[in-house]
Amino acid sequence: MSQIPPPLPDSSQPAPINYHTPRGPEPTGSAQRVFDTVAGPNIRLKDNLIQLVSVVVGAILGGAIGWGLGAQTGLLVGLFLGLLGSLILSGVIIGIVRLFRR
């Protein structure tokens, strides 16, 4: 009696590519890998919290400094510069955290 082999998997859709970090397996899809290296949304809670705290603190400090320098116009300029600076700083902090997490 011959045995019937199991059916082949559906090859119309390729399986998602998973990659692993040196610390251990981190099941993320190929899309997240592109987001990490090029641009796009980030689904890591820790990174998002770092960015949130940085931007809020930067906006408060920039607004306070701007208010002290010159009323409402200074407040708006200070808020903008604080947000811009904290956005850049949060990216640097996230990069440093990822460097040490390896």
PDB file of N, CA and C in Angstrom:
ATOM      1  N   MET A   1       0.825  -1.165   0.000  1.00  0.00           N
ATOM      2  CA  MET A   1       0.000   0.000   0.000  1.00  0.00           C
ATOM      3  C   MET A   1       0.885   1.250   0.000  1.00  0.00           C
ATOM      4  N   SER A   2       0.587   2.157  -0.853  1.00  0.00           N
ATOM      5  CA  SER A   2       1.395   3.377  -0.913  1.00  0.00           C
ATOM      6  C   SER A   2       0.742   4.480  -0.081  1.00  0.00           C
ATOM      7  N   GLN A   3       1.607   5.284   0.497  1.00  0.00           N
ATOM      8  CA  GLN A   3       1.108   6.405   1.301  1.00  0.00           C
ATOM      9  C   GLN A   3       1.028   7.651   0.440  1.00  0.00           C
ATOM     10  N   ILE A   4       0.003   8.420   0.681  1.00  0.00           N
ATOM     11  CA  ILE A   4      -0.172   9.672  -0.046  1.00  0.00           C
ATOM     12  C   ILE A   4       0.621  10.745   0.706  1.00  0.00           C
ATOM     13  N   PRO A   5       1.476  11.489   0.008  1.00  0.00           N
ATOM     14  CA  PRO A   5       2.256  12.526   0.697  1.00  0.00           C
ATOM     15  C   PRO A   5       1.349  13.685   1.119  1.00  0.00           C
ATOM     16  N   PRO A   6       1.762  14.427   2.154  1.00  0.00           N
ATOM     17  CA  PRO A   6       0.947  15.570   2.592  1.00  0.00           C
ATOM     18  C   PRO A   6       0.917  16.645   1.508  1.00  0.00           C
ATOM     19  N   PRO A   7      -0.119  17.445   1.487  1.00  0.00           N
ATOM     20  CA  PRO A   7      -0.218  18.487   0.451  1.00  0.00           C
ATOM     21  C   PRO A   7       0.883  19.533   0.640  1.00  0.00           C
ATOM     22  N   LEU A   8       1.308  20.110  -0.456  1.00  0.00           N
ATOM     23  CA  LEU A   8       2.313  21.167  -0.412  1.00  0.00           C
ATOM     24  C   LEU A   8       1.693  22.451   0.145  1.00  0.00           C
ATOM     25  N   PRO A   9       2.488  23.254   0.849  1.00  0.00           N
ATOM     26  CA  PRO A   9       1.933  24.515   1.349  1.00  0.00           C
ATOM     27  C   PRO A   9       1.625  25.461   0.202  1.00  0.00           C
ATOM     28  N   ASP A  10       0.704  26.368   0.447  1.00  0.00           N
ATOM     29  CA  ASP A  10       0.304  27.346  -0.550  1.00  0.00           C
ATOM     30  C   ASP A  10       1.498  28.263  -0.827  1.00  0.00           C
ATOM     31  N   SER A  11       1.983  28.266  -2.054  1.00  0.00           N
ATOM     32  CA  SER A  11       3.165  29.058  -2.389  1.00  0.00           C
ATOM     33  C   SER A  11       2.804  30.402  -3.008  1.00  0.00           C
ATOM     34  N   SER A  12       1.537  30.749  -3.043  1.00  0.00           N
ATOM     35  CA  SER A  12       1.157  32.023  -3.640  1.00  0.00           C
ATOM     36  C   SER A  12       1.574  33.192  -2.746  1.00  0.00           C
ATOM     37  N   GLN A  13       1.640  32.986  -1.452  1.00  0.00           N
ATOM     38  CA  GLN A  13       2.053  34.036  -0.518  1.00  0.00           C
ATOM     39  C   GLN A  13       3.305  33.563   0.211  1.00  0.00           C
ATOM     40  N   PRO A  14       4.413  34.306   0.094  1.00  0.00           N
ATOM     41  CA  PRO A  14       5.619  33.877   0.812  1.00  0.00           C
ATOM     42  C   PRO A  14       5.451  34.065   2.318  1.00  0.00           C
ATOM     43  N   ALA A  15       6.124  33.225   3.055  1.00  0.00           N
ATOM     44  CA  ALA A  15       6.072  33.333   4.508  1.00  0.00           C
ATOM     45  C   ALA A  15       6.793  34.602   4.950  1.00  0.00           C
ATOM     46  N   PRO A  16       6.318  35.265   6.026  1.00  0.00           N
ATOM     47  CA  PRO A  16       6.999  36.476   6.491  1.00  0.00           C
ATOM     48  C   PRO A  16       8.413  36.146   6.968  1.00  0.00           C
ATOM     49  N   ILE A  17       9.311  37.071   6.712  1.00  0.00           N
ATOM     50  CA  ILE A  17      10.702  36.889   7.128  1.00  0.00           C
ATOM     51  C   ILE A  17      10.843  37.400   8.551  1.00  0.00           C
ATOM     52  N   ASN A  18      11.335  36.563   9.409  1.00  0.00           N
ATOM     53  CA  ASN A  18      11.588  36.963  10.790  1.00  0.00           C
ATOM     54  C   ASN A  18      13.092  37.056  10.994  1.00  0.00           C
ATOM     55  N   TYR A  19      13.504  38.005  11.832  1.00  0.00           N
ATOM     56  CA  TYR A  19      14.911  38.096  12.153  1.00  0.00           C
ATOM     57  C   TYR A  19      15.052  38.080  13.667  1.00  0.00           C
ATOM     58  N   HIS A  20      16.228  37.796  14.123  1.00  0.00           N
ATOM     59  CA  HIS A  20      16.469  37.656  15.550  1.00  0.00           C
ATOM     60  C   HIS A  20      17.546  38.628  15.991  1.00  0.00           C
ATOM     61  N   THR A  21      17.357  39.222  17.148  1.00  0.00           N
ATOM     62  CA  THR A  21      18.377  40.093  17.714  1.00  0.00           C
ATOM     63  C   THR A  21      19.377  39.227  18.461  1.00  0.00           C
ATOM     64  N   PRO A  22      20.585  39.729  18.722  1.00  0.00           N
ATOM     65  CA  PRO A  22      21.561  38.932  19.454  1.00  0.00           C
ATOM     66  C   PRO A  22      21.096  38.544  20.862  1.00  0.00           C
ATOM     67  N   ARG A  23      20.216  39.336  21.482  1.00  0.00           N
ATOM     68  CA  ARG A  23      19.727  39.020  22.823  1.00  0.00           C
ATOM     69  C   ARG A  23      18.802  37.820  22.824  1.00  0.00           C
ATOM     70  N   GLY A  24      18.170  37.560  21.741  1.00  0.00           N
ATOM     71  CA  GLY A  24      17.231  36.453  21.691  1.00  0.00           C
ATOM     72  C   GLY A  24      16.236  36.676  20.566  1.00  0.00           C
ATOM     73  N   PRO A  25      15.352  35.739  20.376  1.00  0.00           N
ATOM     74  CA  PRO A  25      14.402  35.880  19.279  1.00  0.00           C
ATOM     75  C   PRO A  25      13.423  37.017  19.537  1.00  0.00           C
ATOM     76  N   GLU A  26      13.223  37.794  18.535  1.00  0.00           N
ATOM     77  CA  GLU A  26      12.247  38.873  18.590  1.00  0.00           C
ATOM     78  C   GLU A  26      11.412  38.758  17.329  1.00  0.00           C
ATOM     79  N   PRO A  27      10.268  38.113  17.422  1.00  0.00           N
ATOM     80  CA  PRO A  27       9.506  37.827  16.219  1.00  0.00           C
ATOM     81  C   PRO A  27       8.848  39.073  15.643  1.00  0.00           C
ATOM     82  N   THR A  28       9.574  39.771  14.796  1.00  0.00           N
ATOM     83  CA  THR A  28       8.995  40.903  14.091  1.00  0.00           C
ATOM     84  C   THR A  28       9.085  40.618  12.610  1.00  0.00           C
ATOM     85  N   GLY A  29       8.171  41.165  11.873  1.00  0.00           N
ATOM     86  CA  GLY A  29       8.140  40.907  10.451  1.00  0.00           C
ATOM     87  C   GLY A  29       9.165  41.732   9.692  1.00  0.00           C
ATOM     88  N   SER A  30       9.236  41.468   8.399  1.00  0.00           N
ATOM     89  CA  SER A  30      10.207  42.179   7.580  1.00  0.00           C
ATOM     90  C   SER A  30       9.871  43.662   7.490  1.00  0.00           C
ATOM     91  N   ALA A  31       8.615  44.018   7.626  1.00  0.00           N
ATOM     92  CA  ALA A  31       8.244  45.431   7.585  1.00  0.00           C
ATOM     93  C   ALA A  31       8.873  46.187   8.745  1.00  0.00           C
ATOM     94  N   GLN A  32       8.848  45.626   9.956  1.00  0.00           N
ATOM     95  CA  GLN A  32       9.450  46.304  11.101  1.00  0.00           C
ATOM     96  C   GLN A  32      10.959  46.443  10.927  1.00  0.00           C
ATOM     97  N   ARG A  33      11.570  45.478  10.277  1.00  0.00           N
ATOM     98  CA  ARG A  33      13.013  45.568  10.022  1.00  0.00           C
ATOM     99  C   ARG A  33      13.316  46.760   9.124  1.00  0.00           C
ATOM    100  N   VAL A  34      12.492  46.985   8.117  1.00  0.00           N
ATOM    101  CA  VAL A  34      12.661  48.148   7.247  1.00  0.00           C
ATOM    102  C   VAL A  34      12.405  49.426   8.032  1.00  0.00           C
ATOM    103  N   PHE A  35      11.387  49.433   8.887  1.00  0.00           N
ATOM    104  CA  PHE A  35      11.087  50.618   9.686  1.00  0.00           C
ATOM    105  C   PHE A  35      12.256  50.963  10.605  1.00  0.00           C
ATOM    106  N   ASP A  36      12.915  49.943  11.149  1.00  0.00           N
ATOM    107  CA  ASP A  36      14.041  50.177  12.045  1.00  0.00           C
ATOM    108  C   ASP A  36      15.243  50.763  11.316  1.00  0.00           C
ATOM    109  N   THR A  37      15.445  50.382  10.056  1.00  0.00           N
ATOM    110  CA  THR A  37      16.647  50.798   9.353  1.00  0.00           C
ATOM    111  C   THR A  37      16.441  51.974   8.407  1.00  0.00           C
ATOM    112  N   VAL A  38      15.236  52.201   7.932  1.00  0.00           N
ATOM    113  CA  VAL A  38      15.017  53.272   6.962  1.00  0.00           C
ATOM    114  C   VAL A  38      14.113  54.347   7.555  1.00  0.00           C
ATOM    115  N   ALA A  39      12.847  54.104   7.603  1.00  0.00           N
ATOM    116  CA  ALA A  39      11.885  55.068   8.142  1.00  0.00           C
ATOM    117  C   ALA A  39      10.537  54.375   8.263  1.00  0.00           C
ATOM    118  N   GLY A  40       9.676  54.941   9.070  1.00  0.00           N
ATOM    119  CA  GLY A  40       8.338  54.397   9.205  1.00  0.00           C
ATOM    120  C   GLY A  40       7.913  54.301  10.651  1.00  0.00           C
ATOM    121  N   PRO A  41       6.758  53.731  10.902  1.00  0.00           N
ATOM    122  CA  PRO A  41       6.242  53.645  12.268  1.00  0.00           C
ATOM    123  C   PRO A  41       7.045  52.674  13.123  1.00  0.00           C
ATOM    124  N   ASN A  42       7.036  52.912  14.400  1.00  0.00           N
ATOM    125  CA  ASN A  42       7.755  52.052  15.338  1.00  0.00           C
ATOM    126  C   ASN A  42       6.740  51.442  16.297  1.00  0.00           C
ATOM    127  N   ILE A  43       6.804  50.134  16.505  1.00  0.00           N
ATOM    128  CA  ILE A  43       5.844  49.484  17.390  1.00  0.00           C
ATOM    129  C   ILE A  43       6.454  49.132  18.739  1.00  0.00           C
ATOM    130  N   ARG A  44       7.692  49.539  18.986  1.00  0.00           N
ATOM    131  CA  ARG A  44       8.327  49.242  20.277  1.00  0.00           C
ATOM    132  C   ARG A  44       7.845  50.242  21.313  1.00  0.00           C
ATOM    133  N   LEU A  45       7.232  49.742  22.367  1.00  0.00           N
ATOM    134  CA  LEU A  45       6.674  50.604  23.407  1.00  0.00           C
ATOM    135  C   LEU A  45       7.754  51.438  24.074  1.00  0.00           C
ATOM    136  N   LYS A  46       8.897  50.839  24.382  1.00  0.00           N
ATOM    137  CA  LYS A  46       9.972  51.572  25.070  1.00  0.00           C
ATOM    138  C   LYS A  46      10.454  52.755  24.232  1.00  0.00           C
ATOM    139  N   ASP A  47      10.644  52.551  22.938  1.00  0.00           N
ATOM    140  CA  ASP A  47      11.077  53.642  22.063  1.00  0.00           C
ATOM    141  C   ASP A  47      10.037  54.754  22.010  1.00  0.00           C
ATOM    142  N   ASN A  48       8.775  54.369  21.924  1.00  0.00           N
ATOM    143  CA  ASN A  48       7.710  55.365  21.862  1.00  0.00           C
ATOM    144  C   ASN A  48       7.590  56.157  23.159  1.00  0.00           C
ATOM    145  N   LEU A  49       7.793  55.492  24.300  1.00  0.00           N
ATOM    146  CA  LEU A  49       7.743  56.204  25.581  1.00  0.00           C
ATOM    147  C   LEU A  49       8.918  57.161  25.729  1.00  0.00           C
ATOM    148  N   ILE A  50      10.100  56.749  25.285  1.00  0.00           N
ATOM    149  CA  ILE A  50      11.264  57.645  25.310  1.00  0.00           C
ATOM    150  C   ILE A  50      10.977  58.883  24.471  1.00  0.00           C
ATOM    151  N   GLN A  51      10.419  58.683  23.306  1.00  0.00           N
ATOM    152  CA  GLN A  51      10.123  59.812  22.427  1.00  0.00           C
ATOM    153  C   GLN A  51       9.042  60.714  23.031  1.00  0.00           C
ATOM    154  N   LEU A  52       8.015  60.144  23.620  1.00  0.00           N
ATOM    155  CA  LEU A  52       6.955  60.932  24.237  1.00  0.00           C
ATOM    156  C   LEU A  52       7.501  61.808  25.360  1.00  0.00           C
ATOM    157  N   VAL A  53       8.267  61.216  26.256  1.00  0.00           N
ATOM    158  CA  VAL A  53       8.817  61.974  27.382  1.00  0.00           C
ATOM    159  C   VAL A  53       9.739  63.077  26.877  1.00  0.00           C
ATOM    160  N   SER A  54      10.584  62.772  25.905  1.00  0.00           N
ATOM    161  CA  SER A  54      11.511  63.769  25.373  1.00  0.00           C
ATOM    162  C   SER A  54      10.773  64.952  24.756  1.00  0.00           C
ATOM    163  N   VAL A  55       9.749  64.676  23.975  1.00  0.00           N
ATOM    164  CA  VAL A  55       9.020  65.746  23.291  1.00  0.00           C
ATOM    165  C   VAL A  55       8.232  66.598  24.286  1.00  0.00           C
ATOM    166  N   VAL A  56       7.606  65.976  25.277  1.00  0.00           N
ATOM    167  CA  VAL A  56       6.851  66.745  26.272  1.00  0.00           C
ATOM    168  C   VAL A  56       7.791  67.636  27.081  1.00  0.00           C
ATOM    169  N   VAL A  57       8.898  67.072  27.552  1.00  0.00           N
ATOM    170  CA  VAL A  57       9.859  67.861  28.328  1.00  0.00           C
ATOM    171  C   VAL A  57      10.450  68.977  27.466  1.00  0.00           C
ATOM    172  N   GLY A  58      10.784  68.676  26.228  1.00  0.00           N
ATOM    173  CA  GLY A  58      11.332  69.693  25.321  1.00  0.00           C
ATOM    174  C   GLY A  58      10.351  70.818  25.059  1.00  0.00           C
ATOM    175  N   ALA A  59       9.082  70.490  24.868  1.00  0.00           N
ATOM    176  CA  ALA A  59       8.073  71.524  24.628  1.00  0.00           C
ATOM    177  C   ALA A  59       7.907  72.407  25.860  1.00  0.00           C
ATOM    178  N   ILE A  60       7.888  71.805  27.039  1.00  0.00           N
ATOM    179  CA  ILE A  60       7.722  72.593  28.270  1.00  0.00           C
ATOM    180  C   ILE A  60       8.933  73.507  28.486  1.00  0.00           C
ATOM    181  N   LEU A  61      10.134  72.946  28.354  1.00  0.00           N
ATOM    182  CA  LEU A  61      11.335  73.770  28.549  1.00  0.00           C
ATOM    183  C   LEU A  61      11.445  74.860  27.483  1.00  0.00           C
ATOM    184  N   GLY A  62      11.211  74.507  26.223  1.00  0.00           N
ATOM    185  CA  GLY A  62      11.274  75.501  25.149  1.00  0.00           C
ATOM    186  C   GLY A  62      10.236  76.592  25.320  1.00  0.00           C
ATOM    187  N   GLY A  63       9.018  76.212  25.720  1.00  0.00           N
ATOM    188  CA  GLY A  63       7.975  77.207  25.950  1.00  0.00           C
ATOM    189  C   GLY A  63       8.300  78.126  27.115  1.00  0.00           C
ATOM    190  N   ALA A  64       8.839  77.564  28.184  1.00  0.00           N
ATOM    191  CA  ALA A  64       9.199  78.376  29.342  1.00  0.00           C
ATOM    192  C   ALA A  64      10.327  79.350  29.008  1.00  0.00           C
ATOM    193  N   ILE A  65      11.331  78.877  28.304  1.00  0.00           N
ATOM    194  CA  ILE A  65      12.431  79.765  27.914  1.00  0.00           C
ATOM    195  C   ILE A  65      11.934  80.842  26.953  1.00  0.00           C
ATOM    196  N   GLY A  66      11.123  80.443  25.980  1.00  0.00           N
ATOM    197  CA  GLY A  66      10.564  81.411  25.035  1.00  0.00           C
ATOM    198  C   GLY A  66       9.678  82.442  25.708  1.00  0.00           C
ATOM    199  N   TRP A  67       8.875  82.032  26.681  1.00  0.00           N
ATOM    200  CA  TRP A  67       8.002  82.953  27.418  1.00  0.00           C
ATOM    201  C   TRP A  67       8.851  83.968  28.190  1.00  0.00           C
ATOM    202  N   GLY A  68       9.935  83.493  28.770  1.00  0.00           N
ATOM    203  CA  GLY A  68      10.822  84.392  29.518  1.00  0.00           C
ATOM    204  C   GLY A  68      11.531  85.387  28.618  1.00  0.00           C
ATOM    205  N   LEU A  69      11.719  85.046  27.364  1.00  0.00           N
ATOM    206  CA  LEU A  69      12.419  85.948  26.452  1.00  0.00           C
ATOM    207  C   LEU A  69      11.505  86.967  25.789  1.00  0.00           C
ATOM    208  N   GLY A  70      10.239  86.661  25.649  1.00  0.00           N
ATOM    209  CA  GLY A  70       9.424  87.661  24.963  1.00  0.00           C
ATOM    210  C   GLY A  70       7.990  87.309  24.697  1.00  0.00           C
ATOM    211  N   ALA A  71       7.155  87.257  25.684  1.00  0.00           N
ATOM    212  CA  ALA A  71       5.693  87.115  25.597  1.00  0.00           C
ATOM    213  C   ALA A  71       5.247  85.998  24.659  1.00  0.00           C
ATOM    214  N   GLN A  72       4.148  86.258  23.908  1.00  0.00           N
ATOM    215  CA  GLN A  72       3.530  85.191  23.125  1.00  0.00           C
ATOM    216  C   GLN A  72       4.364  84.762  21.930  1.00  0.00           C
ATOM    217  N   THR A  73       4.978  85.691  21.233  1.00  0.00           N
ATOM    218  CA  THR A  73       5.806  85.314  20.092  1.00  0.00           C
ATOM    219  C   THR A  73       6.971  84.448  20.556  1.00  0.00           C
ATOM    220  N   GLY A  74       7.580  84.831  21.663  1.00  0.00           N
ATOM    221  CA  GLY A  74       8.673  84.049  22.224  1.00  0.00           C
ATOM    222  C   GLY A  74       8.208  82.670  22.652  1.00  0.00           C
ATOM    223  N   LEU A  75       6.982  82.607  23.187  1.00  0.00           N
ATOM    224  CA  LEU A  75       6.418  81.325  23.603  1.00  0.00           C
ATOM    225  C   LEU A  75       6.282  80.381  22.410  1.00  0.00           C
ATOM    226  N   LEU A  76       5.741  80.870  21.311  1.00  0.00           N
ATOM    227  CA  LEU A  76       5.555  80.034  20.121  1.00  0.00           C
ATOM    228  C   LEU A  76       6.889  79.609  19.522  1.00  0.00           C
ATOM    229  N   VAL A  77       7.834  80.545  19.447  1.00  0.00           N
ATOM    230  CA  VAL A  77       9.149  80.196  18.911  1.00  0.00           C
ATOM    231  C   VAL A  77       9.836  79.201  19.838  1.00  0.00           C
ATOM    232  N   GLY A  78       9.731  79.424  21.148  1.00  0.00           N
ATOM    233  CA  GLY A  78      10.332  78.505  22.116  1.00  0.00           C
ATOM    234  C   GLY A  78       9.713  77.120  22.042  1.00  0.00           C
ATOM    235  N   LEU A  79       8.384  77.049  21.910  1.00  0.00           N
ATOM    236  CA  LEU A  79       7.717  75.749  21.766  1.00  0.00           C
ATOM    237  C   LEU A  79       8.209  75.015  20.525  1.00  0.00           C
ATOM    238  N   PHE A  80       8.282  75.722  19.414  1.00  0.00           N
ATOM    239  CA  PHE A  80       8.721  75.100  18.168  1.00  0.00           C
ATOM    240  C   PHE A  80      10.164  74.602  18.279  1.00  0.00           C
ATOM    241  N   LEU A  81      11.044  75.454  18.774  1.00  0.00           N
ATOM    242  CA  LEU A  81      12.441  75.048  18.898  1.00  0.00           C
ATOM    243  C   LEU A  81      12.619  73.928  19.925  1.00  0.00           C
ATOM    244  N   GLY A  82      11.832  73.977  21.011  1.00  0.00           N
ATOM    245  CA  GLY A  82      11.888  72.903  22.009  1.00  0.00           C
ATOM    246  C   GLY A  82      11.423  71.578  21.434  1.00  0.00           C
ATOM    247  N   LEU A  83      10.339  71.591  20.660  1.00  0.00           N
ATOM    248  CA  LEU A  83       9.846  70.367  20.023  1.00  0.00           C
ATOM    249  C   LEU A  83      10.848  69.827  19.009  1.00  0.00           C
ATOM    250  N   LEU A  84      11.409  70.710  18.211  1.00  0.00           N
ATOM    251  CA  LEU A  84      12.375  70.284  17.203  1.00  0.00           C
ATOM    252  C   LEU A  84      13.632  69.702  17.858  1.00  0.00           C
ATOM    253  N   GLY A  85      14.160  70.391  18.844  1.00  0.00           N
ATOM    254  CA  GLY A  85      15.359  69.899  19.531  1.00  0.00           C
ATOM    255  C   GLY A  85      15.125  68.589  20.255  1.00  0.00           C
ATOM    256  N   SER A  86      13.969  68.472  20.913  1.00  0.00           N
ATOM    257  CA  SER A  86      13.689  67.240  21.652  1.00  0.00           C
ATOM    258  C   SER A  86      13.418  66.070  20.714  1.00  0.00           C
ATOM    259  N   LEU A  87      12.880  66.338  19.542  1.00  0.00           N
ATOM    260  CA  LEU A  87      12.673  65.274  18.557  1.00  0.00           C
ATOM    261  C   LEU A  87      14.023  64.709  18.105  1.00  0.00           C
ATOM    262  N   ILE A  88      14.961  65.591  17.838  1.00  0.00           N
ATOM    263  CA  ILE A  88      16.304  65.144  17.441  1.00  0.00           C
ATOM    264  C   ILE A  88      16.979  64.423  18.600  1.00  0.00           C
ATOM    265  N   LEU A  89      16.877  64.989  19.801  1.00  0.00           N
ATOM    266  CA  LEU A  89      17.499  64.386  20.976  1.00  0.00           C
ATOM    267  C   LEU A  89      16.909  63.009  21.279  1.00  0.00           C
ATOM    268  N   SER A  90      15.599  62.851  21.111  1.00  0.00           N
ATOM    269  CA  SER A  90      14.989  61.548  21.387  1.00  0.00           C
ATOM    270  C   SER A  90      15.489  60.493  20.414  1.00  0.00           C
ATOM    271  N   GLY A  91      15.730  60.864  19.159  1.00  0.00           N
ATOM    272  CA  GLY A  91      16.303  59.923  18.202  1.00  0.00           C
ATOM    273  C   GLY A  91      17.699  59.490  18.604  1.00  0.00           C
ATOM    274  N   VAL A  92      18.481  60.425  19.117  1.00  0.00           N
ATOM    275  CA  VAL A  92      19.829  60.092  19.588  1.00  0.00           C
ATOM    276  C   VAL A  92      19.749  59.155  20.794  1.00  0.00           C
ATOM    277  N   ILE A  93      18.844  59.445  21.724  1.00  0.00           N
ATOM    278  CA  ILE A  93      18.686  58.603  22.915  1.00  0.00           C
ATOM    279  C   ILE A  93      18.259  57.187  22.527  1.00  0.00           C
ATOM    280  N   ILE A  94      17.299  57.068  21.623  1.00  0.00           N
ATOM    281  CA  ILE A  94      16.850  55.750  21.179  1.00  0.00           C
ATOM    282  C   ILE A  94      17.994  54.998  20.504  1.00  0.00           C
ATOM    283  N   GLY A  95      18.799  55.690  19.706  1.00  0.00           N
ATOM    284  CA  GLY A  95      19.953  55.062  19.073  1.00  0.00           C
ATOM    285  C   GLY A  95      20.951  54.550  20.105  1.00  0.00           C
ATOM    286  N   ILE A  96      21.187  55.328  21.159  1.00  0.00           N
ATOM    287  CA  ILE A  96      22.117  54.907  22.211  1.00  0.00           C
ATOM    288  C   ILE A  96      21.551  53.706  22.973  1.00  0.00           C
ATOM    289  N   VAL A  97      20.261  53.737  23.275  1.00  0.00           N
ATOM    290  CA  VAL A  97      19.633  52.604  23.987  1.00  0.00           C
ATOM    291  C   VAL A  97      19.747  51.343  23.147  1.00  0.00           C
ATOM    292  N   ARG A  98      19.485  51.428  21.848  1.00  0.00           N
ATOM    293  CA  ARG A  98      19.595  50.239  20.984  1.00  0.00           C
ATOM    294  C   ARG A  98      21.033  49.758  20.874  1.00  0.00           C
ATOM    295  N   LEU A  99      21.998  50.684  20.908  1.00  0.00           N
ATOM    296  CA  LEU A  99      23.404  50.291  20.834  1.00  0.00           C
ATOM    297  C   LEU A  99      23.788  49.435  22.025  1.00  0.00           C
ATOM    298  N   PHE A 100      23.335  49.810  23.209  1.00  0.00           N
ATOM    299  CA  PHE A 100      23.679  49.066  24.416  1.00  0.00           C
ATOM    300  C   PHE A 100      22.805  47.828  24.618  1.00  0.00           C
ATOM    301  N   ARG A 101      21.659  47.763  23.950  1.00  0.00           N
ATOM    302  CA  ARG A 101      20.788  46.585  24.058  1.00  0.00           C
ATOM    303  C   ARG A 101      21.318  45.407  23.269  1.00  0.00           C
ATOM    304  N   ARG A 102      22.221  45.610  22.360  1.00  0.00           N
ATOM    305  CA  ARG A 102      22.766  44.533  21.532  1.00  0.00           C
ATOM    306  C   ARG A 102      23.596  43.631  22.321  1.00  0.00           C
TER     307      ARG A 102
END
